[in-house]
Protein backbone atom coordinates (compact mmCIF):
# COMPACT_ATOMS: atom_id res chain seq x y z
CA UNK A 1 -23.64 0.70 -8.08
CA UNK A 2 -23.26 4.66 -8.00
CA UNK A 3 -25.53 4.79 -4.96
CA UNK A 4 -22.80 2.88 -2.97
CA UNK A 5 -19.97 5.09 -4.11
CA UNK A 6 -21.93 8.06 -2.94
CA UNK A 7 -22.46 6.69 0.22
CA UNK A 8 -18.71 5.57 0.59
CA UNK A 9 -17.81 9.34 0.03
CA UNK A 10 -20.46 11.03 1.84
CA UNK A 11 -18.60 11.02 5.17
CA UNK A 12 -15.65 12.81 4.00
CA UNK A 13 -17.63 14.76 2.14
CA UNK A 14 -19.59 15.88 5.48
CA UNK A 15 -16.49 16.57 7.02
CA UNK A 16 -15.08 19.09 4.86
CA UNK A 17 -18.53 20.54 3.93
CA UNK A 18 -18.72 21.00 8.16
CA UNK A 19 -15.42 22.51 8.75
CA UNK A 20 -15.63 24.81 5.64
CA UNK A 21 -19.34 26.30 6.47
CA UNK A 22 -19.35 26.06 10.48
CA UNK A 23 -15.50 26.26 11.76
CA UNK A 24 -14.11 28.37 9.01
CA UNK A 25 -17.24 30.03 8.03
CA UNK A 26 -16.58 30.51 4.16
CA UNK A 27 -18.12 29.75 0.87
CA UNK A 28 -16.49 27.23 -0.82
CA UNK A 29 -14.09 28.51 -3.62
CA UNK A 30 -14.57 27.23 -7.20
CA UNK A 31 -18.01 25.44 -6.28
CA UNK A 32 -19.12 25.14 -10.13
CA UNK A 33 -15.52 23.29 -11.02
CA UNK A 34 -15.98 21.29 -7.55
CA UNK A 35 -19.31 19.93 -8.33
CA UNK A 36 -18.90 18.53 -11.87
CA UNK A 37 -15.55 17.08 -10.39
CA UNK A 38 -17.23 15.22 -7.20
CA UNK A 39 -19.45 13.90 -9.85
CA UNK A 40 -16.44 12.43 -11.73
CA UNK A 41 -14.95 10.98 -8.78
CA UNK A 42 -17.98 8.93 -7.79
CA UNK A 43 -18.62 7.90 -11.17
CA UNK A 44 -15.10 6.92 -11.02
CA UNK A 45 -14.95 5.54 -7.60
CA UNK A 46 -18.32 3.50 -8.54
CA UNK A 47 -16.86 1.90 -11.98
CA UNK A 48 -13.56 1.06 -10.36
CA UNK A 49 -14.76 -0.93 -7.67
CA UNK A 50 -16.91 -2.54 -10.02
CA UNK A 51 -14.16 -3.62 -12.23
CA UNK A 52 -12.50 -4.83 -9.22
CA UNK A 53 -15.23 -7.11 -8.24
CA UNK A 54 -15.64 -8.41 -11.82
CA UNK A 55 -11.56 -8.45 -12.53
CA UNK A 56 -9.24 -8.03 -10.21
CA UNK A 57 -10.26 -10.23 -7.49
CA UNK A 58 -11.15 -13.16 -9.78
CA UNK A 59 -7.74 -12.98 -11.64
CA UNK A 60 -5.85 -13.12 -8.03
CA UNK A 61 -7.85 -16.25 -6.66
CA UNK A 62 -7.39 -18.08 -9.97
CA UNK A 63 -3.82 -17.04 -10.52
CA UNK A 64 -3.00 -18.27 -6.49
CA UNK A 65 -5.20 -21.32 -7.19
CA UNK A 66 -3.07 -22.44 -10.59
CA UNK A 67 0.24 -21.57 -8.47
CA UNK A 68 -0.76 -23.70 -5.39
CA UNK A 69 -2.13 -26.62 -7.77
CA UNK A 70 0.91 -26.57 -9.57
CA UNK A 71 2.86 -27.25 -6.83
CA UNK A 72 6.36 -24.82 -7.57
CA UNK A 73 6.79 -22.75 -4.54
CA UNK A 74 9.60 -20.88 -6.29
CA UNK A 75 6.86 -20.16 -9.17
CA UNK A 76 4.56 -19.07 -6.32
CA UNK A 77 7.07 -16.99 -4.15
CA UNK A 78 7.83 -15.32 -7.62
CA UNK A 79 4.14 -14.52 -8.24
CA UNK A 80 4.29 -12.80 -5.11
CA UNK A 81 7.04 -10.94 -5.05
CA UNK A 82 6.23 -9.36 -8.69
CA UNK A 83 2.57 -8.92 -7.60
CA UNK A 84 3.81 -6.80 -4.44
CA UNK A 85 6.48 -4.88 -6.45
CA UNK A 86 4.83 -4.08 -9.67
CA UNK A 87 1.52 -2.84 -7.58
CA UNK A 88 3.25 -0.61 -5.43
CA UNK A 89 6.47 0.71 -8.01
CA UNK A 90 3.39 2.36 -9.74
CA UNK A 91 1.41 3.53 -6.90
CA UNK A 92 0.40 7.54 -7.45
CA UNK A 93 0.59 8.19 -3.18
CA UNK A 94 4.01 6.53 -3.01
CA UNK A 95 5.54 8.73 -6.05
CA UNK A 96 3.88 11.47 -4.47
CA UNK A 97 5.21 10.92 -1.17
CA UNK A 98 8.90 10.09 -2.57
CA UNK A 99 8.73 13.35 -4.61
CA UNK A 100 8.01 15.31 -1.88
CA UNK A 101 10.59 13.76 0.27
CA UNK A 102 13.41 14.19 -2.40
CA UNK A 103 12.36 17.89 -2.66
CA UNK A 104 12.45 18.63 1.07
CA UNK A 105 15.86 16.41 1.41
CA UNK A 106 17.23 19.09 -0.99
CA UNK A 107 15.84 22.27 -0.05
CA UNK A 108 17.49 21.09 3.63
CA UNK A 109 20.72 20.31 1.71
CA UNK A 110 21.17 16.57 2.30
CA UNK A 111 21.11 16.12 -1.45
CA UNK A 112 22.03 18.03 -4.48
CA UNK A 113 19.55 20.98 -5.33
CA UNK A 114 18.98 19.84 -8.66
CA UNK A 115 16.10 18.07 -10.70
CA UNK A 116 18.25 14.57 -12.05
CA UNK A 117 19.44 14.20 -8.07
CA UNK A 118 15.93 14.59 -6.95
CA UNK A 119 14.85 12.24 -9.46
CA UNK A 120 17.30 9.85 -8.38
CA UNK A 121 16.75 10.34 -5.02
CA UNK A 122 12.50 9.75 -4.77
CA UNK A 123 12.96 6.82 -7.59
CA UNK A 124 15.53 4.94 -4.65
CA UNK A 125 12.76 5.41 -2.23
CA UNK A 126 10.02 3.91 -4.27
CA UNK A 127 12.28 0.94 -5.06
CA UNK A 128 12.98 0.38 -1.61
CA UNK A 129 9.47 0.76 -0.73
CA UNK A 130 8.49 -1.57 -3.90
CA UNK A 131 11.01 -4.65 -2.96
CA UNK A 132 10.00 -4.29 0.87
CA UNK A 133 6.32 -4.68 -0.26
CA UNK A 134 7.58 -7.82 -2.72
CA UNK A 135 9.59 -9.30 0.36
CA UNK A 136 6.48 -9.05 2.49
CA UNK A 137 3.85 -10.37 -0.02
CA UNK A 138 6.78 -13.23 -0.07
CA UNK A 139 6.96 -13.71 3.49
CA UNK A 140 2.73 -13.71 3.92
CA UNK A 141 2.70 -16.27 0.90
CA UNK A 142 5.33 -18.84 2.81
CA UNK A 143 3.52 -18.10 6.43
CA UNK A 144 0.41 -19.15 4.65
CA UNK A 145 2.05 -22.52 3.46
CA UNK A 146 3.73 -23.04 6.56
CA UNK A 147 0.52 -22.35 8.67
CA UNK A 148 2.75 -19.87 11.31
CA UNK A 149 0.68 -17.63 13.46
CA UNK A 150 0.40 -14.14 11.99
CA UNK A 151 0.77 -12.44 15.34
CA UNK A 152 3.95 -13.38 16.07
CA UNK A 153 5.56 -11.48 12.77
CA UNK A 154 3.38 -8.51 13.38
CA UNK A 155 4.41 -8.35 17.13
CA UNK A 156 8.04 -8.81 15.98
CA UNK A 157 7.84 -6.33 13.24
CA UNK A 158 6.54 -3.61 15.11
CA UNK A 159 9.32 -4.48 17.71
CA UNK A 160 11.81 -4.00 14.93
CA UNK A 161 10.26 -0.79 13.58
CA UNK A 162 10.88 0.98 17.35
CA UNK A 163 14.22 -0.13 17.53
CA UNK A 164 15.83 0.75 14.55
CA UNK A 165 13.77 3.93 14.92
CA UNK A 166 16.11 4.94 17.86
CA UNK A 167 19.09 4.62 15.42
CA UNK A 168 17.51 6.17 12.44
CA UNK A 169 18.01 9.98 11.28
CA UNK A 170 15.34 12.43 12.24
CA UNK A 171 14.50 13.71 8.82
CA UNK A 172 13.83 9.68 7.71
CA UNK A 173 11.24 8.15 9.99
CA UNK A 174 8.55 10.54 9.17
CA UNK A 175 8.86 9.21 5.67
CA UNK A 176 9.16 5.59 6.45
CA UNK A 177 6.01 5.78 8.40
CA UNK A 178 4.15 7.53 5.56
CA UNK A 179 5.76 4.85 3.32
CA UNK A 180 3.83 1.81 5.27
CA UNK A 181 0.65 3.98 4.76
CA UNK A 182 1.10 4.89 1.13
CA UNK A 183 1.04 0.78 0.15
CA UNK A 184 -2.37 -0.01 0.98
CA UNK A 185 -3.33 1.10 -2.14
CA UNK A 186 -6.74 0.69 -4.07
CA UNK A 187 -4.92 -1.82 -6.12
CA UNK A 188 -2.77 -3.21 -4.12
CA UNK A 189 -5.26 -4.28 -1.14
CA UNK A 190 -7.79 -6.42 -3.58
CA UNK A 191 -4.98 -8.07 -5.66
CA UNK A 192 -3.20 -9.52 -2.26
CA UNK A 193 -6.33 -10.02 -0.43
CA UNK A 194 -7.28 -12.21 -3.48
CA UNK A 195 -3.87 -13.70 -3.68
CA UNK A 196 -3.94 -14.88 0.15
CA UNK A 197 -7.82 -15.67 0.39
CA UNK A 198 -7.45 -17.97 -2.77
CA UNK A 199 -3.94 -19.74 -1.77
CA UNK A 200 -5.67 -20.48 1.74
CA UNK A 201 -8.82 -21.79 -0.06
CA UNK A 202 -7.14 -24.29 -2.10
CA UNK A 203 -4.55 -25.68 0.82
CA UNK A 204 -6.20 -28.33 3.02
CA UNK A 205 -5.83 -27.70 6.45
CA UNK A 206 -6.19 -23.42 5.68
CA UNK A 207 -8.78 -21.35 6.80
CA UNK A 208 -9.25 -18.31 4.58
CA UNK A 209 -10.82 -16.24 7.63
CA UNK A 210 -7.89 -17.12 9.81
CA UNK A 211 -5.30 -17.73 7.02
CA UNK A 212 -6.45 -15.83 4.15
CA UNK A 213 -5.93 -12.47 5.47
CA UNK A 214 -2.96 -10.58 7.06
CA UNK A 215 -1.05 -10.04 3.89
CA UNK A 216 -1.54 -6.46 3.94
CA UNK A 217 -0.52 -5.81 7.34
CA UNK A 218 3.08 -7.13 6.31
CA UNK A 219 2.82 -5.11 3.40
CA UNK A 220 2.25 -1.88 5.70
CA UNK A 221 4.82 -2.91 8.08
CA UNK A 222 8.01 -3.81 6.19
CA UNK A 223 8.64 -0.54 4.05
CA UNK A 224 8.85 1.11 7.27
CA UNK A 225 11.76 -1.16 8.13
CA UNK A 226 12.96 -1.14 5.15
CA UNK A 227 13.07 2.81 4.56
CA UNK A 228 14.63 3.25 8.33
CA UNK A 229 17.25 0.74 7.49
CA UNK A 230 18.11 3.06 4.50
CA UNK A 231 18.52 5.93 6.60
CA UNK A 232 20.53 4.09 8.82
CA UNK A 233 22.89 2.73 5.96
CA UNK A 234 23.16 6.15 3.44
């Protein structure tokens, strides 16, 4: 368990160590504090992954099976939206990106430079991204139900991103593109993947390897579109 987590973290540790020692040629600052922290990170990652495998993956698959057998499309799509929205709105990476974007917007004079306005701006960005991810999961689940090819959605989505980018303000483009990346979190990915795989496993004529994956691609794509549109409209 812990060896696996150490193996997963080894590449990034080697990269940091190489640049710190070979390129920068400087000792590690606060090494006595870094080493215990690194050990705790390894332990936390190992326990987190174990928790995902024991709890979240089976939970996502069993709920997908239950909703599919129930036969209520509205209930299934509602669950898909709630899953995408709930896991995204609380994502720490998204909170950090939204807060940083609010500070920069305030310093650039685009919004009022006070804590309340910055907080509202950051919350608006988080809500937009969370709604977009919820919409993405609904679209992905509906695609699985209908058996539509995923490539047309992905290609069409990125063409739409390119088109909207030409009309969006320059200061929102980077935020929009980063919003697509922060949604692929350690909580969203396993739950959404379990939902797709479980759903495609229980529906006759669906292949879990072909139809069960791809929801994460939607979850990364739609926030870019939604945030770009927010920049155009706002």
